[in-house]
């Protein structure tokens, strides 16, 4: 199964010390997919599969850490090869990071890898 891979530059997310930060991942364009979330340099996976309202941690506890989010999207929509993935953080700024791309003809899967640094 041919895979298209996109790796984003490190993204900075601002958090407040007393706020609990959570993450939801939305896959658009009637495509289907799954994600894996963990802190960089840790072998512990916080969650995988559908990510909705995943508590990442208290701002003071996650500051200085890097969250790694990997999302794989299967090109299931026969009407388009376009992919939209939204990472939504509650109690963080910016709240939304939207990634748009297209899976080239002959490819089946799109992989997006993003690291977020909490400050």
Protein backbone atom coordinates (compact mmCIF):
# COMPACT_ATOMS: atom_id res chain seq x y z
CA UNK A 1 0.00 0.00 0.00
CA UNK A 2 1.78 3.19 -1.18
CA UNK A 3 2.06 5.91 1.49
CA UNK A 4 2.51 9.68 1.19
CA UNK A 5 4.28 11.19 4.23
CA UNK A 6 4.30 14.80 5.44
CA UNK A 7 6.34 16.00 8.43
CA UNK A 8 5.62 19.46 9.80
CA UNK A 9 8.05 21.82 11.53
CA UNK A 10 7.79 22.07 15.32
CA UNK A 11 4.67 24.01 16.35
CA UNK A 12 4.57 26.11 19.53
CA UNK A 13 1.47 25.94 21.72
CA UNK A 14 0.93 28.42 24.55
CA UNK A 15 -0.64 27.09 27.75
CA UNK A 16 -1.64 28.55 31.09
CA UNK A 17 -0.19 26.87 34.20
CA UNK A 18 -3.53 25.96 35.83
CA UNK A 19 -5.45 24.87 32.72
CA UNK A 20 -5.95 21.25 31.66
CA UNK A 21 -5.07 20.94 27.97
CA UNK A 22 -6.89 18.42 25.81
CA UNK A 23 -6.62 17.36 22.17
CA UNK A 24 -9.16 16.30 19.55
CA UNK A 25 -8.27 15.27 16.00
CA UNK A 26 -10.77 15.67 13.18
CA UNK A 27 -10.28 14.00 9.80
CA UNK A 28 -12.33 15.75 7.11
CA UNK A 29 -13.43 15.28 3.50
CA UNK A 30 -15.19 11.99 4.34
CA UNK A 31 -11.82 10.26 4.59
CA UNK A 32 -11.08 7.78 7.37
CA UNK A 33 -8.07 7.54 9.64
CA UNK A 34 -6.45 6.97 12.97
CA UNK A 35 -3.92 8.76 15.16
CA UNK A 36 -1.29 8.01 17.78
CA UNK A 37 -0.35 10.54 20.47
CA UNK A 38 2.67 10.43 22.80
CA UNK A 39 5.27 12.68 24.33
CA UNK A 40 8.52 12.72 22.39
CA UNK A 41 11.30 10.65 24.00
CA UNK A 42 8.69 8.52 25.79
CA UNK A 43 7.63 5.02 24.82
CA UNK A 44 4.21 5.47 26.48
CA UNK A 45 1.40 6.02 23.98
CA UNK A 46 -1.22 8.35 25.49
CA UNK A 47 -3.89 7.28 23.01
CA UNK A 48 -4.38 5.76 19.58
CA UNK A 49 -7.32 5.43 17.22
CA UNK A 50 -9.95 8.14 17.26
CA UNK A 51 -8.74 11.06 19.42
CA UNK A 52 -11.49 13.06 21.10
CA UNK A 53 -11.03 15.25 24.19
CA UNK A 54 -7.80 13.49 25.17
CA UNK A 55 -6.48 15.09 28.38
CA UNK A 56 -2.81 15.91 27.70
CA UNK A 57 -2.12 17.42 31.12
CA UNK A 58 -2.05 20.52 33.26
CA UNK A 59 -0.24 23.45 31.64
CA UNK A 60 2.42 23.60 34.35
CA UNK A 61 3.12 19.86 33.92
CA UNK A 62 3.44 19.86 30.12
CA UNK A 63 5.39 23.10 29.64
CA UNK A 64 8.77 22.31 28.10
CA UNK A 65 7.56 18.96 26.74
CA UNK A 66 7.01 17.99 23.11
CA UNK A 67 3.88 16.13 22.06
CA UNK A 68 4.19 13.95 18.95
CA UNK A 69 1.02 13.36 16.93
CA UNK A 70 0.98 10.91 14.03
CA UNK A 71 -2.15 10.60 11.88
CA UNK A 72 -2.74 8.17 9.03
CA UNK A 73 -5.55 8.83 6.59
CA UNK A 74 -6.90 6.25 4.15
CA UNK A 75 -8.10 7.68 0.84
CA UNK A 76 -11.63 6.27 1.18
CA UNK A 77 -13.57 9.05 -0.55
CA UNK A 78 -13.78 8.25 -4.27
CA UNK A 79 -14.91 11.81 -5.06
CA UNK A 80 -11.66 13.47 -3.92
CA UNK A 81 -8.04 12.78 -3.00
CA UNK A 82 -7.95 15.84 -0.72
CA UNK A 83 -7.18 15.39 2.96
CA UNK A 84 -7.94 17.75 5.83
CA UNK A 85 -6.69 17.01 9.35
CA UNK A 86 -7.48 19.37 12.22
CA UNK A 87 -5.70 19.21 15.58
CA UNK A 88 -7.82 21.06 18.13
CA UNK A 89 -6.40 21.93 21.56
CA UNK A 90 -8.77 23.04 24.34
CA UNK A 91 -7.26 25.60 26.77
CA UNK A 92 -4.30 26.33 24.48
CA UNK A 93 -3.32 28.86 21.86
CA UNK A 94 -3.49 28.54 18.96
CA UNK A 95 -6.45 26.23 19.45
CA UNK A 96 -6.55 24.83 15.91
CA UNK A 97 -3.91 23.64 13.49
CA UNK A 98 -5.35 22.65 10.12
CA UNK A 99 -3.37 20.58 7.61
CA UNK A 100 -4.60 20.29 4.03
CA UNK A 101 -3.01 18.06 1.41
CA UNK A 102 -3.85 15.68 -1.41
CA UNK A 103 -2.99 12.04 -1.83
CA UNK A 104 -1.40 11.60 -5.28
CA UNK A 105 -3.00 9.21 -7.76
CA UNK A 106 -1.74 5.70 -7.13
CA UNK A 107 -1.22 6.36 -3.41
CA UNK A 108 -3.60 4.99 -0.75
CA UNK A 109 -2.49 6.41 2.59
CA UNK A 110 -1.43 9.85 3.86
CA UNK A 111 0.70 10.07 7.02
CA UNK A 112 1.01 13.36 8.91
CA UNK A 113 3.60 13.78 11.66
CA UNK A 114 3.53 16.89 13.87
CA UNK A 115 5.46 17.80 17.05
CA UNK A 116 3.99 20.40 19.42
CA UNK A 117 6.10 22.23 22.00
CA UNK A 118 4.19 23.56 25.00
CA UNK A 119 5.32 26.93 26.40
